[in-house]
Amino acid sequence: MALFERFGEFDSVEELNMTAEGLKEEGDLESLKVLAEENGLDAADAEDYADGIVTELASDLMAAAGKIAVESKALGIDGIMSEIGRAVQQECRDRDHVRLERHCDRGMRGR
């Protein structure tokens, strides 16, 4: 699947979750799974959201980590660059006050 092929790239986790909410209201689990996978989330996350186990498809951290994973895969990043990506993700997990915003034209940036 091409990068953000079906739903496009979102500017924020709020936009991602609003789209997920619409799909959930429509009862479209298959599209909800595609949305999750396009954004680096597991299909199981979409199922949990559809079943009401969690109240949102993605948290800030999940969306940021998913974005890094999807873009890293698309760019074929491996080796030391892959390790740097994992270090960034770990740093975000360790700092609960970190919020990452997604911007279509600029990739990831800290806020």
N, C-alpha and C. Protein backbone atom coordinates (compact mmCIF):
# COMPACT_ATOMS: atom_id res chain seq x y z
N MET A 1 0.85 -1.19 0.00
CA MET A 1 0.00 0.00 0.00
C MET A 1 0.89 1.25 0.00
N ALA A 2 0.57 2.20 -0.82
CA ALA A 2 1.32 3.45 -0.88
C ALA A 2 1.11 4.25 0.40
N LEU A 3 2.02 5.13 0.66
CA LEU A 3 1.97 5.96 1.86
C LEU A 3 0.68 6.79 1.88
N PHE A 4 -0.14 6.59 2.89
CA PHE A 4 -1.38 7.35 3.10
C PHE A 4 -2.28 7.34 1.85
N GLU A 5 -2.35 6.20 1.19
CA GLU A 5 -3.03 6.06 -0.10
C GLU A 5 -4.52 6.37 -0.05
N ARG A 6 -5.22 5.83 0.92
CA ARG A 6 -6.68 5.94 0.92
C ARG A 6 -7.19 7.17 1.65
N PHE A 7 -6.65 7.45 2.82
CA PHE A 7 -7.19 8.53 3.64
C PHE A 7 -6.35 9.80 3.63
N GLY A 8 -5.17 9.76 3.05
CA GLY A 8 -4.30 10.92 3.05
C GLY A 8 -3.60 11.07 4.38
N GLU A 9 -2.78 12.10 4.45
CA GLU A 9 -2.00 12.36 5.66
C GLU A 9 -2.72 13.39 6.51
N PHE A 10 -2.80 13.13 7.80
CA PHE A 10 -3.49 14.02 8.73
C PHE A 10 -2.51 15.00 9.36
N ASP A 11 -3.01 16.19 9.69
CA ASP A 11 -2.19 17.21 10.34
C ASP A 11 -2.10 17.03 11.85
N SER A 12 -3.02 16.25 12.41
CA SER A 12 -3.02 16.10 13.87
C SER A 12 -3.69 14.78 14.25
N VAL A 13 -3.45 14.37 15.47
CA VAL A 13 -4.09 13.17 16.00
C VAL A 13 -5.59 13.41 16.12
N GLU A 14 -5.98 14.67 16.35
CA GLU A 14 -7.40 14.98 16.44
C GLU A 14 -8.11 14.70 15.11
N GLU A 15 -7.47 15.08 13.99
CA GLU A 15 -8.06 14.80 12.68
C GLU A 15 -8.15 13.29 12.44
N LEU A 16 -7.11 12.57 12.80
CA LEU A 16 -7.12 11.12 12.67
C LEU A 16 -8.26 10.51 13.47
N ASN A 17 -8.42 10.94 14.72
CA ASN A 17 -9.47 10.40 15.57
C ASN A 17 -10.86 10.82 15.11
N MET A 18 -11.01 12.00 14.54
CA MET A 18 -12.31 12.42 14.01
C MET A 18 -12.71 11.55 12.82
N THR A 19 -11.76 11.24 11.96
CA THR A 19 -12.03 10.35 10.83
C THR A 19 -12.42 8.97 11.34
N ALA A 20 -11.69 8.49 12.34
CA ALA A 20 -12.00 7.19 12.93
C ALA A 20 -13.40 7.19 13.54
N GLU A 21 -13.77 8.28 14.17
CA GLU A 21 -15.09 8.38 14.78
C GLU A 21 -16.19 8.28 13.72
N GLY A 22 -15.98 8.96 12.59
CA GLY A 22 -16.96 8.88 11.50
C GLY A 22 -17.10 7.46 10.97
N LEU A 23 -15.99 6.78 10.79
CA LEU A 23 -16.03 5.40 10.30
C LEU A 23 -16.70 4.48 11.31
N LYS A 24 -16.44 4.73 12.59
CA LYS A 24 -17.06 3.92 13.64
C LYS A 24 -18.58 4.13 13.63
N GLU A 25 -19.00 5.38 13.50
CA GLU A 25 -20.44 5.68 13.46
C GLU A 25 -21.11 5.02 12.27
N GLU A 26 -20.39 4.91 11.16
CA GLU A 26 -20.93 4.26 9.96
C GLU A 26 -20.88 2.74 10.07
N GLY A 27 -20.17 2.23 11.08
CA GLY A 27 -20.02 0.79 11.25
C GLY A 27 -19.08 0.17 10.23
N ASP A 28 -18.16 0.97 9.70
CA ASP A 28 -17.25 0.52 8.65
C ASP A 28 -15.93 0.05 9.26
N LEU A 29 -15.94 -1.16 9.80
CA LEU A 29 -14.75 -1.70 10.47
C LEU A 29 -13.60 -1.91 9.49
N GLU A 30 -13.89 -2.34 8.28
CA GLU A 30 -12.81 -2.59 7.32
C GLU A 30 -12.06 -1.29 7.00
N SER A 31 -12.79 -0.20 6.78
CA SER A 31 -12.13 1.08 6.51
C SER A 31 -11.40 1.59 7.75
N LEU A 32 -11.94 1.31 8.92
CA LEU A 32 -11.28 1.70 10.17
C LEU A 32 -9.94 0.98 10.30
N LYS A 33 -9.90 -0.29 9.91
CA LYS A 33 -8.64 -1.05 9.93
C LYS A 33 -7.65 -0.49 8.93
N VAL A 34 -8.12 -0.12 7.74
CA VAL A 34 -7.23 0.48 6.72
C VAL A 34 -6.68 1.80 7.25
N LEU A 35 -7.53 2.62 7.86
CA LEU A 35 -7.09 3.88 8.44
C LEU A 35 -5.99 3.64 9.47
N ALA A 36 -6.21 2.67 10.34
CA ALA A 36 -5.20 2.36 11.36
C ALA A 36 -3.89 1.94 10.72
N GLU A 37 -3.96 1.01 9.78
CA GLU A 37 -2.74 0.49 9.17
C GLU A 37 -2.00 1.56 8.37
N GLU A 38 -2.73 2.43 7.68
CA GLU A 38 -2.08 3.52 6.96
C GLU A 38 -1.32 4.45 7.89
N ASN A 39 -1.75 4.50 9.13
CA ASN A 39 -1.14 5.40 10.11
C ASN A 39 -0.25 4.67 11.10
N GLY A 40 0.18 3.46 10.75
CA GLY A 40 1.14 2.72 11.55
C GLY A 40 0.57 2.10 12.81
N LEU A 41 -0.73 1.96 12.87
CA LEU A 41 -1.38 1.34 14.02
C LEU A 41 -1.78 -0.08 13.65
N ASP A 42 -2.03 -0.90 14.65
CA ASP A 42 -2.45 -2.29 14.41
C ASP A 42 -3.94 -2.34 14.10
N ALA A 43 -4.33 -3.33 13.30
CA ALA A 43 -5.75 -3.56 13.03
C ALA A 43 -6.47 -3.85 14.35
N ALA A 44 -5.75 -4.47 15.31
CA ALA A 44 -6.35 -4.75 16.62
C ALA A 44 -6.73 -3.46 17.35
N ASP A 45 -5.96 -2.39 17.14
CA ASP A 45 -6.30 -1.09 17.73
C ASP A 45 -7.64 -0.61 17.18
N ALA A 46 -7.85 -0.80 15.88
CA ALA A 46 -9.10 -0.39 15.25
C ALA A 46 -10.26 -1.23 15.79
N GLU A 47 -10.04 -2.52 15.98
CA GLU A 47 -11.08 -3.39 16.52
C GLU A 47 -11.43 -2.99 17.95
N ASP A 48 -10.41 -2.71 18.76
CA ASP A 48 -10.66 -2.27 20.14
C ASP A 48 -11.46 -0.98 20.16
N TYR A 49 -11.13 -0.06 19.26
CA TYR A 49 -11.86 1.20 19.18
C TYR A 49 -13.31 0.96 18.74
N ALA A 50 -13.50 0.14 17.72
CA ALA A 50 -14.84 -0.15 17.21
C ALA A 50 -15.69 -0.83 18.28
N ASP A 51 -15.06 -1.67 19.11
CA ASP A 51 -15.78 -2.39 20.16
C ASP A 51 -16.00 -1.56 21.41
N GLY A 52 -15.46 -0.34 21.45
CA GLY A 52 -15.64 0.53 22.61
C GLY A 52 -14.70 0.22 23.76
N ILE A 53 -13.69 -0.59 23.52
CA ILE A 53 -12.73 -0.93 24.57
C ILE A 53 -11.87 0.28 24.90
N VAL A 54 -11.54 1.07 23.87
CA VAL A 54 -10.81 2.33 24.06
C VAL A 54 -11.67 3.46 23.48
N THR A 55 -11.45 4.67 23.96
CA THR A 55 -12.31 5.79 23.55
C THR A 55 -11.80 6.56 22.34
N GLU A 56 -10.56 6.30 21.93
CA GLU A 56 -10.02 6.94 20.73
C GLU A 56 -9.14 5.93 20.00
N LEU A 57 -9.02 6.11 18.69
CA LEU A 57 -8.20 5.19 17.91
C LEU A 57 -6.73 5.33 18.29
N ALA A 58 -6.27 6.57 18.46
CA ALA A 58 -4.85 6.79 18.72
C ALA A 58 -4.63 7.91 19.72
N SER A 59 -3.65 7.70 20.57
CA SER A 59 -3.18 8.77 21.45
C SER A 59 -2.12 9.57 20.69
N ASP A 60 -1.66 10.65 21.27
CA ASP A 60 -0.59 11.43 20.65
C ASP A 60 0.62 10.56 20.37
N LEU A 61 1.02 9.77 21.36
CA LEU A 61 2.21 8.93 21.23
C LEU A 61 2.01 7.84 20.17
N MET A 62 0.84 7.21 20.18
CA MET A 62 0.57 6.17 19.18
C MET A 62 0.64 6.75 17.77
N ALA A 63 0.05 7.92 17.58
CA ALA A 63 0.05 8.55 16.25
C ALA A 63 1.47 8.91 15.83
N ALA A 64 2.24 9.45 16.75
CA ALA A 64 3.62 9.84 16.42
C ALA A 64 4.47 8.62 16.09
N ALA A 65 4.36 7.59 16.92
CA ALA A 65 5.14 6.36 16.69
C ALA A 65 4.71 5.69 15.38
N GLY A 66 3.43 5.71 15.12
CA GLY A 66 2.92 5.14 13.87
C GLY A 66 3.43 5.89 12.66
N LYS A 67 3.44 7.21 12.77
CA LYS A 67 3.95 8.05 11.68
C LYS A 67 5.42 7.73 11.40
N ILE A 68 6.21 7.63 12.45
CA ILE A 68 7.63 7.31 12.29
C ILE A 68 7.78 5.94 11.63
N ALA A 69 7.01 4.97 12.07
CA ALA A 69 7.10 3.61 11.52
C ALA A 69 6.73 3.58 10.05
N VAL A 70 5.63 4.22 9.69
CA VAL A 70 5.15 4.22 8.29
C VAL A 70 6.15 4.92 7.38
N GLU A 71 6.62 6.07 7.80
CA GLU A 71 7.55 6.82 6.95
C GLU A 71 8.91 6.13 6.87
N SER A 72 9.35 5.52 7.97
CA SER A 72 10.62 4.79 7.96
C SER A 72 10.55 3.62 6.98
N LYS A 73 9.45 2.90 7.01
CA LYS A 73 9.29 1.77 6.09
C LYS A 73 9.26 2.25 4.65
N ALA A 74 8.53 3.32 4.38
CA ALA A 74 8.42 3.84 3.02
C ALA A 74 9.77 4.33 2.49
N LEU A 75 10.59 4.86 3.38
CA LEU A 75 11.91 5.37 2.99
C LEU A 75 12.98 4.28 2.99
N GLY A 76 12.63 3.10 3.48
CA GLY A 76 13.60 2.01 3.54
C GLY A 76 14.69 2.25 4.56
N ILE A 77 14.35 2.92 5.63
CA ILE A 77 15.34 3.24 6.66
C ILE A 77 15.69 1.99 7.45
N ASP A 78 16.99 1.74 7.60
CA ASP A 78 17.44 0.61 8.40
C ASP A 78 18.79 0.96 9.02
N GLY A 79 19.37 0.02 9.71
CA GLY A 79 20.67 0.25 10.33
C GLY A 79 20.62 1.30 11.41
N ILE A 80 21.63 2.15 11.44
CA ILE A 80 21.77 3.16 12.49
C ILE A 80 20.60 4.15 12.47
N MET A 81 20.10 4.47 11.29
CA MET A 81 18.96 5.39 11.22
C MET A 81 17.73 4.80 11.87
N SER A 82 17.56 3.50 11.74
CA SER A 82 16.45 2.81 12.39
C SER A 82 16.60 2.90 13.91
N GLU A 83 17.82 2.75 14.38
CA GLU A 83 18.09 2.85 15.82
C GLU A 83 17.78 4.26 16.33
N ILE A 84 18.10 5.26 15.54
CA ILE A 84 17.80 6.65 15.93
C ILE A 84 16.30 6.84 16.03
N GLY A 85 15.56 6.29 15.07
CA GLY A 85 14.09 6.38 15.12
C GLY A 85 13.53 5.75 16.38
N ARG A 86 14.05 4.58 16.75
CA ARG A 86 13.59 3.93 17.98
C ARG A 86 13.96 4.75 19.21
N ALA A 87 15.12 5.39 19.19
CA ALA A 87 15.53 6.23 20.32
C ALA A 87 14.59 7.43 20.47
N VAL A 88 14.20 8.02 19.35
CA VAL A 88 13.25 9.14 19.38
C VAL A 88 11.91 8.68 19.97
N GLN A 89 11.44 7.52 19.53
CA GLN A 89 10.19 6.99 20.06
C GLN A 89 10.29 6.74 21.56
N GLN A 90 11.40 6.18 22.02
CA GLN A 90 11.58 5.92 23.44
C GLN A 90 11.61 7.23 24.23
N GLU A 91 12.28 8.23 23.69
CA GLU A 91 12.33 9.53 24.36
C GLU A 91 10.93 10.11 24.51
N CYS A 92 10.11 9.97 23.49
CA CYS A 92 8.72 10.45 23.56
C CYS A 92 7.94 9.69 24.64
N ARG A 93 8.14 8.38 24.72
CA ARG A 93 7.45 7.59 25.74
C ARG A 93 7.89 8.00 27.14
N ASP A 94 9.17 8.35 27.28
CA ASP A 94 9.70 8.71 28.58
C ASP A 94 9.27 10.10 29.03
N ARG A 95 8.86 10.91 28.11
CA ARG A 95 8.46 12.29 28.43
C ARG A 95 6.99 12.47 28.08
N ASP A 96 6.14 12.30 29.08
CA ASP A 96 4.71 12.34 28.81
C ASP A 96 4.22 13.73 28.41
N HIS A 97 5.02 14.75 28.60
CA HIS A 97 4.59 16.10 28.21
C HIS A 97 4.92 16.41 26.75
N VAL A 98 5.60 15.51 26.08
CA VAL A 98 5.95 15.73 24.68
C VAL A 98 4.73 15.46 23.82
N ARG A 99 4.45 16.36 22.94
CA ARG A 99 3.35 16.18 22.00
C ARG A 99 3.93 16.42 20.61
N LEU A 100 3.71 15.49 19.73
CA LEU A 100 4.19 15.63 18.37
C LEU A 100 3.02 15.92 17.45
N GLU A 101 3.19 16.92 16.62
CA GLU A 101 2.17 17.23 15.63
C GLU A 101 2.65 16.77 14.28
N ARG A 102 1.71 16.38 13.46
CA ARG A 102 2.01 15.88 12.13
C ARG A 102 1.64 16.96 11.13
N HIS A 103 2.56 17.26 10.24
CA HIS A 103 2.30 18.27 9.21
C HIS A 103 2.63 17.68 7.86
N CYS A 104 1.66 17.75 6.96
CA CYS A 104 1.82 17.15 5.63
C CYS A 104 3.05 17.65 4.91
N ASP A 105 3.34 18.90 5.01
CA ASP A 105 4.43 19.46 4.24
C ASP A 105 5.77 19.46 4.96
N ARG A 106 5.77 19.15 6.26
CA ARG A 106 7.02 19.23 7.01
C ARG A 106 7.38 17.97 7.78
N GLY A 107 6.59 16.91 7.69
CA GLY A 107 6.89 15.71 8.47
C GLY A 107 6.59 15.94 9.94
N MET A 108 7.42 15.42 10.81
CA MET A 108 7.19 15.53 12.25
C MET A 108 7.94 16.74 12.82
N ARG A 109 7.32 17.34 13.82
CA ARG A 109 8.03 18.38 14.56
C ARG A 109 7.54 18.36 16.01
N GLY A 110 8.42 18.65 16.92
CA GLY A 110 8.05 18.67 18.33
C GLY A 110 7.34 19.96 18.68
N ARG A 111 6.52 19.88 19.72
CA ARG A 111 5.82 21.08 20.16
C ARG A 111 5.92 21.15 21.66
